[in-house]
Amino acid sequence: MSSAAPAQSTGTGPPLVSGRWLFFAVLGVLAASAVCVWAALCLLFWQGSWQLLYHPSSTVARTPASAGMPFDPVDFATDGSGTPRLTGWWVAAAPASPRSRYTVLYLHGQDGNLSNTIGHLEQLHAAGVNVFAFDYRGYGQSRFARPSEVHWLEDAGWALDYLAGTRHIDPRSIVVYGWDLGANLALELAAAHPELAGVVLNEPIKGDLTPIFDDPRAKFVPAHWLVRDRFDLDAAAAEIHVSVLWFESDAPSLRQRYGEPSAYRKITSRKTLVWLAPSPHPASDKAAAFTRWLDDLPAVGALR
């Protein structure tokens, strides 16, 4: 009688993960983590980069009355519910002024708010023109919104609409006057409105928006893709059809190195470049150049 052979074990051990698979899995996890971190950096830069350029303040510490200028506070640009989005000041010219036919739409720069412009408004008032100055959204007592080139252009357009539609001012007697980044905005606005009398630029920001693109954090993200603002002087200058008065500080090293701003050379309409050399009275030199330029503008009745 034969006995049955003992059963053979057919079981197998636990499956083994190859070292190569494990290496690539770890590499993939690290790469995915790096992409997530980089994407988070891009998102944070996109959301917060505006603070590198714009520095708004909500506290209006001074008004034209502090400099002895009578003024009217203005709320305008109402939304669908009738709530104003923007606030500003109307400073009327002296009734006997020979330049009271002109109204200056003043566009302040990227820092502070209207209370930082009193000295500039004094100079314009002394020139004998009407002045309308306002705060962009996010500045002063205007409604809050994150500052941007799109918002600034929209706000400036509403200001023009207010002057033409509410105060019934002929656009051909309106001069747009911009300071710093407000000068870049002024040139863009005037390029889109050839019916205006002219535009005055006080040392606009030239080239790329350096406070943003020169920031060390911009080197780790595609900053030029993430930031939509450009305030491109060259592009606006090529489209301008109104008279231009351009002020630049006469720093000898800068003037010798760069000469005329490239955007200024692209302007084909009537233009005047004034270099403001350091002097005991730079404000009076600027005021004199401004009034001469105004007096050379065509009379409203003679325009188109």
Protein backbone atom coordinates (compact mmCIF):
# COMPACT_ATOMS: atom_id res chain seq x y z
CA MET A 1 0.00 0.00 0.00
CA SER A 2 1.52 3.21 -1.10
CA SER A 3 1.22 6.43 0.92
CA ALA A 4 0.32 9.82 -0.66
CA ALA A 5 3.14 12.31 -1.16
CA PRO A 6 3.05 15.29 1.19
CA ALA A 7 1.40 18.44 -0.26
CA GLN A 8 3.78 21.08 -1.61
CA SER A 9 3.36 24.67 -0.43
CA THR A 10 2.25 26.88 -3.30
CA GLY A 11 1.93 30.15 -1.34
CA THR A 12 3.94 33.23 -2.34
CA GLY A 13 5.42 36.03 -0.22
CA PRO A 14 4.14 39.61 -0.12
CA PRO A 15 4.65 41.54 -3.38
CA LEU A 16 7.80 43.56 -3.43
CA VAL A 17 7.96 47.22 -4.64
CA SER A 18 10.87 47.80 -6.89
CA GLY A 19 13.37 50.41 -5.84
CA ARG A 20 13.00 52.14 -9.19
CA TRP A 21 9.23 52.55 -8.78
CA LEU A 22 9.71 53.87 -5.28
CA PHE A 23 12.30 56.38 -6.47
CA PHE A 24 10.03 57.79 -9.17
CA ALA A 25 7.05 57.88 -6.80
CA VAL A 26 8.98 59.95 -4.27
CA LEU A 27 10.26 62.16 -7.08
CA GLY A 28 6.69 62.68 -8.32
CA VAL A 29 5.44 63.62 -4.86
CA LEU A 30 8.27 66.13 -4.44
CA ALA A 31 7.60 67.62 -7.87
CA ALA A 32 3.87 67.90 -7.17
CA SER A 33 4.63 69.55 -3.83
CA ALA A 34 6.98 72.02 -5.52
CA VAL A 35 4.33 72.86 -8.11
CA CYS A 36 1.75 73.42 -5.35
CA VAL A 37 4.13 75.70 -3.45
CA TRP A 38 4.97 77.64 -6.64
CA ALA A 39 1.27 77.94 -7.53
CA ALA A 40 0.59 79.27 -4.02
CA LEU A 41 3.38 81.83 -4.46
CA CYS A 42 1.88 82.90 -7.79
CA LEU A 43 -1.55 83.29 -6.20
CA LEU A 44 -0.18 85.32 -3.30
CA PHE A 45 1.84 87.53 -5.66
CA TRP A 46 -1.19 88.04 -7.91
CA GLN A 47 -3.37 89.02 -4.95
CA GLY A 48 -0.89 91.24 -3.15
CA SER A 49 1.42 92.73 -5.80
CA TRP A 50 -0.75 95.83 -6.10
CA GLN A 51 0.52 96.90 -2.67
CA LEU A 52 4.01 97.25 -4.13
CA LEU A 53 2.78 100.03 -6.42
CA TYR A 54 -0.29 101.58 -4.82
CA HIS A 55 -0.19 103.02 -1.31
CA PRO A 56 -3.65 104.41 -0.58
CA SER A 57 -4.65 106.15 2.63
CA SER A 58 -8.20 106.49 3.89
CA THR A 59 -7.58 109.40 6.25
CA VAL A 60 -8.21 112.79 4.63
CA ALA A 61 -6.26 115.08 6.94
CA ARG A 62 -6.52 118.33 4.95
CA THR A 63 -8.96 120.00 2.60
CA PRO A 64 -8.58 123.05 0.32
CA ALA A 65 -10.06 125.15 3.13
CA SER A 66 -6.83 124.62 5.11
CA ALA A 67 -5.05 126.58 2.36
CA GLY A 68 -7.72 129.27 2.14
CA MET A 69 -9.37 127.88 -1.00
CA PRO A 70 -13.18 127.79 -1.06
CA PHE A 71 -14.35 124.42 -2.37
CA ASP A 72 -17.39 122.20 -2.75
CA PRO A 73 -17.20 118.54 -1.70
CA VAL A 74 -18.59 116.32 -4.45
CA ASP A 75 -19.98 112.80 -4.39
CA PHE A 76 -20.48 111.26 -7.83
CA ALA A 77 -20.41 108.12 -9.98
CA THR A 78 -23.48 106.58 -8.34
CA ASP A 79 -24.18 102.87 -8.65
CA GLY A 80 -27.52 101.22 -9.41
CA SER A 81 -28.78 101.90 -5.89
CA GLY A 82 -27.91 105.60 -6.11
CA THR A 83 -24.90 105.35 -3.80
CA PRO A 84 -21.86 107.43 -4.87
CA ARG A 85 -18.67 105.51 -5.51
CA LEU A 86 -16.28 108.46 -5.68
CA THR A 87 -15.65 111.65 -3.72
CA GLY A 88 -13.88 114.79 -4.84
CA TRP A 89 -13.45 118.52 -4.54
CA TRP A 90 -14.58 121.30 -6.85
CA VAL A 91 -12.39 124.40 -6.52
CA ALA A 92 -13.83 127.19 -8.64
CA ALA A 93 -11.65 129.79 -10.34
CA ALA A 94 -11.84 133.39 -9.27
CA PRO A 95 -14.67 134.99 -11.27
CA ALA A 96 -12.40 137.63 -12.79
CA SER A 97 -9.72 135.17 -13.89
CA PRO A 98 -8.95 135.29 -17.64
CA ARG A 99 -8.37 131.51 -17.53
CA SER A 100 -11.62 130.57 -15.80
CA ARG A 101 -12.80 129.11 -19.11
CA TYR A 102 -10.53 126.14 -18.41
CA THR A 103 -11.23 123.31 -16.00
CA VAL A 104 -8.40 121.08 -14.81
CA LEU A 105 -9.22 117.46 -13.99
CA TYR A 106 -6.48 116.63 -11.50
CA LEU A 107 -5.32 112.99 -11.22
CA HIS A 108 -3.16 112.37 -8.17
CA GLY A 109 -0.45 109.74 -7.88
CA GLN A 110 -0.30 106.30 -6.32
CA ASP A 111 0.38 107.41 -2.73
CA GLY A 112 -1.88 108.89 -0.08
CA ASN A 113 -5.08 110.62 -1.15
CA LEU A 114 -6.46 114.07 -1.93
CA SER A 115 -5.16 115.54 1.31
CA ASN A 116 -1.62 115.11 -0.06
CA THR A 117 -2.41 117.27 -3.10
CA ILE A 118 -3.22 120.60 -1.44
CA GLY A 119 0.04 122.23 -2.55
CA HIS A 120 -0.54 121.17 -6.16
CA LEU A 121 -4.14 122.37 -6.08
CA GLU A 122 -2.97 125.72 -4.71
CA GLN A 123 -0.69 126.16 -7.73
CA LEU A 124 -3.50 125.34 -10.14
CA HIS A 125 -5.95 127.63 -8.34
CA ALA A 126 -3.38 130.43 -8.48
CA ALA A 127 -3.22 129.95 -12.26
CA GLY A 128 -6.87 131.00 -12.39
CA VAL A 129 -8.49 127.77 -13.58
CA ASN A 130 -11.32 125.67 -12.17
CA VAL A 131 -10.03 122.50 -10.55
CA PHE A 132 -11.78 119.19 -10.02
CA ALA A 133 -9.80 116.63 -8.03
CA PHE A 134 -11.05 113.28 -6.76
CA ASP A 135 -9.93 110.12 -5.01
CA TYR A 136 -9.90 106.83 -6.87
CA ARG A 137 -11.72 103.89 -5.37
CA GLY A 138 -9.71 102.62 -2.43
CA TYR A 139 -8.39 106.12 -1.63
CA GLY A 140 -9.69 108.65 0.87
CA GLN A 141 -13.46 108.60 1.33
CA SER A 142 -14.22 106.95 -2.01
CA ARG A 143 -15.65 103.44 -1.96
CA PHE A 144 -13.11 100.73 -1.36
CA ALA A 145 -11.87 98.67 -4.28
CA ARG A 146 -8.44 97.26 -4.94
CA PRO A 147 -6.55 99.85 -7.00
CA SER A 148 -5.71 98.84 -10.55
CA GLU A 149 -5.19 100.38 -13.95
CA VAL A 150 -8.65 99.23 -15.04
CA HIS A 151 -10.29 100.80 -11.99
CA TRP A 152 -8.33 104.04 -12.33
CA LEU A 153 -9.33 104.43 -15.98
CA GLU A 154 -12.95 103.76 -15.11
CA ASP A 155 -12.84 106.27 -12.24
CA ALA A 156 -11.24 108.96 -14.43
CA GLY A 157 -13.87 108.33 -17.08
CA TRP A 158 -16.60 108.85 -14.48
CA ALA A 159 -14.94 112.12 -13.48
CA LEU A 160 -15.06 113.33 -17.10
CA ASP A 161 -18.70 112.27 -17.30
CA TYR A 162 -19.42 114.27 -14.15
CA LEU A 163 -17.80 117.41 -15.53
CA ALA A 164 -19.53 117.15 -18.91
CA GLY A 165 -22.87 115.72 -17.80
CA THR A 166 -23.50 117.32 -14.41
CA ARG A 167 -21.56 120.59 -14.60
CA HIS A 168 -22.13 120.92 -18.36
CA ILE A 169 -18.51 121.80 -19.08
CA ASP A 170 -17.41 121.70 -22.70
CA PRO A 171 -14.81 118.88 -22.97
CA ARG A 172 -12.78 121.16 -25.27
CA SER A 173 -12.09 123.36 -22.24
CA ILE A 174 -10.97 120.48 -19.96
CA VAL A 175 -7.27 119.90 -19.29
CA VAL A 176 -6.25 116.62 -17.65
CA TYR A 177 -3.38 117.13 -15.21
CA GLY A 178 -1.59 114.07 -13.80
CA TRP A 179 1.13 113.58 -11.19
CA ASP A 180 3.42 110.52 -10.93
CA LEU A 181 1.38 107.44 -11.86
CA GLY A 182 -1.56 109.81 -12.29
CA ALA A 183 0.38 111.31 -15.20
CA ASN A 184 0.48 107.90 -16.91
CA LEU A 185 -3.26 107.67 -16.35
CA ALA A 186 -3.74 111.20 -17.70
CA LEU A 187 -2.00 110.34 -20.96
CA GLU A 188 -4.09 107.18 -21.40
CA LEU A 189 -7.29 109.12 -20.67
CA ALA A 190 -6.40 111.93 -23.07
CA ALA A 191 -5.49 109.42 -25.79
CA ALA A 192 -9.02 108.02 -25.52
CA HIS A 193 -10.61 111.49 -25.53
CA PRO A 194 -9.25 113.62 -28.38
CA GLU A 195 -11.97 116.19 -27.71
CA LEU A 196 -10.11 117.46 -24.62
CA ALA A 197 -8.13 120.71 -24.60
CA GLY A 198 -4.86 119.12 -23.52
CA VAL A 199 -2.96 117.08 -20.97
CA VAL A 200 -0.20 117.95 -18.48
CA LEU A 201 2.20 115.29 -17.19
CA ASN A 202 4.30 115.70 -14.08
CA GLU A 203 7.15 113.17 -14.12
CA PRO A 204 5.21 110.05 -15.13
CA ILE A 205 6.59 106.61 -14.32
CA LYS A 206 8.58 105.44 -17.32
CA GLY A 207 9.30 101.89 -18.46
CA ASP A 208 7.96 98.84 -16.63
CA LEU A 209 6.24 99.30 -13.31
CA THR A 210 9.54 98.94 -11.48
CA PRO A 211 8.18 98.84 -7.92
CA ILE A 212 6.45 95.59 -8.87
CA PHE A 213 8.80 93.96 -11.35
CA ASP A 214 11.98 94.90 -9.48
CA ASP A 215 10.73 93.36 -6.25
CA PRO A 216 12.86 90.28 -5.32
CA ARG A 217 9.72 88.10 -5.06
CA ALA A 218 8.91 88.82 -8.71
CA LYS A 219 11.91 86.71 -9.73
CA PHE A 220 10.22 83.51 -8.51
CA VAL A 221 6.94 83.94 -10.41
CA PRO A 222 5.91 84.98 -13.94
CA ALA A 223 5.24 88.52 -12.75
CA HIS A 224 4.57 89.97 -16.21
CA TRP A 225 1.81 87.40 -16.71
CA LEU A 226 0.29 87.83 -13.26
CA VAL A 227 0.19 91.65 -13.21
CA ARG A 228 -2.20 93.20 -15.72
CA ASP A 229 -1.34 96.82 -14.99
CA ARG A 230 1.02 98.43 -17.49
CA PHE A 231 0.32 102.18 -17.72
CA ASP A 232 2.22 102.04 -21.00
CA LEU A 233 3.38 105.57 -21.79
CA ASP A 234 4.73 104.69 -25.22
CA ALA A 235 1.45 103.14 -26.36
CA ALA A 236 -0.61 106.07 -25.10
CA ALA A 237 1.81 108.63 -26.56
CA ALA A 238 1.46 107.08 -30.01
CA GLU A 239 -2.32 107.62 -29.85
CA ILE A 240 -2.42 111.13 -28.42
CA HIS A 241 -4.03 113.91 -30.49
CA VAL A 242 -4.25 116.77 -27.97
CA SER A 243 -1.69 119.31 -26.82
CA VAL A 244 0.81 117.92 -24.28
CA LEU A 245 2.83 119.71 -21.60
CA TRP A 246 5.43 117.42 -20.01
CA PHE A 247 7.45 118.28 -16.89
CA GLU A 248 10.67 116.46 -15.98
CA SER A 249 13.17 117.14 -13.22
CA ASP A 250 16.42 118.38 -14.72
CA ALA A 251 18.79 115.99 -12.97
CA PRO A 252 21.94 116.45 -15.11
CA SER A 253 23.00 112.81 -14.91
CA LEU A 254 19.59 111.56 -15.99
CA ARG A 255 19.15 114.14 -18.71
CA GLN A 256 22.55 113.41 -20.24
CA ARG A 257 22.03 109.67 -20.02
CA TYR A 258 18.47 109.41 -21.33
CA GLY A 259 17.64 112.72 -23.00
CA GLU A 260 14.02 113.13 -23.98
CA PRO A 261 11.69 110.40 -22.66
CA SER A 262 11.01 107.81 -25.37
CA ALA A 263 7.26 108.32 -25.04
CA TYR A 264 7.67 112.05 -25.57
CA ARG A 265 9.35 111.38 -28.91
CA LYS A 266 6.33 109.33 -30.03
CA ILE A 267 3.91 112.22 -29.55
CA THR A 268 2.95 113.76 -32.90
CA SER A 269 0.55 116.40 -31.61
CA ARG A 270 1.61 119.81 -30.28
CA LYS A 271 3.96 119.18 -27.35
CA THR A 272 6.20 121.00 -24.90
CA LEU A 273 8.87 119.44 -22.68
CA VAL A 274 9.96 121.51 -19.68
CA TRP A 275 13.04 120.53 -17.69
CA LEU A 276 12.71 121.82 -14.14
CA ALA A 277 16.19 122.59 -12.90
CA PRO A 278 16.77 122.81 -9.15
CA SER A 279 16.14 126.42 -8.26
CA PRO A 280 15.03 128.52 -5.32
CA HIS A 281 11.51 128.65 -6.75
CA PRO A 282 10.75 125.49 -8.75
CA ALA A 283 7.01 125.81 -8.12
CA SER A 284 6.93 129.29 -9.64
CA ASP A 285 8.90 128.08 -12.67
CA LYS A 286 6.36 125.31 -13.21
CA ALA A 287 3.43 127.68 -12.72
CA ALA A 288 4.86 130.09 -15.31
CA ALA A 289 5.33 127.31 -17.86
CA PHE A 290 1.80 126.04 -17.23
CA THR A 291 0.15 129.44 -17.69
CA ARG A 292 2.15 130.10 -20.88
CA TRP A 293 1.04 126.75 -22.25
CA LEU A 294 -2.60 127.45 -21.33
CA ASP A 295 -2.49 130.85 -22.99
CA ASP A 296 -1.21 129.25 -26.19
CA LEU A 297 -4.10 126.77 -26.39
CA PRO A 298 -6.67 127.55 -29.09
CA ALA A 299 -9.74 129.37 -27.87
CA VAL A 300 -12.69 127.03 -27.34
CA GLY A 301 -14.74 128.76 -30.00
CA ALA A 302 -11.97 128.21 -32.55
CA LEU A 303 -11.71 124.46 -31.99
CA ARG A 304 -13.05 121.99 -34.54
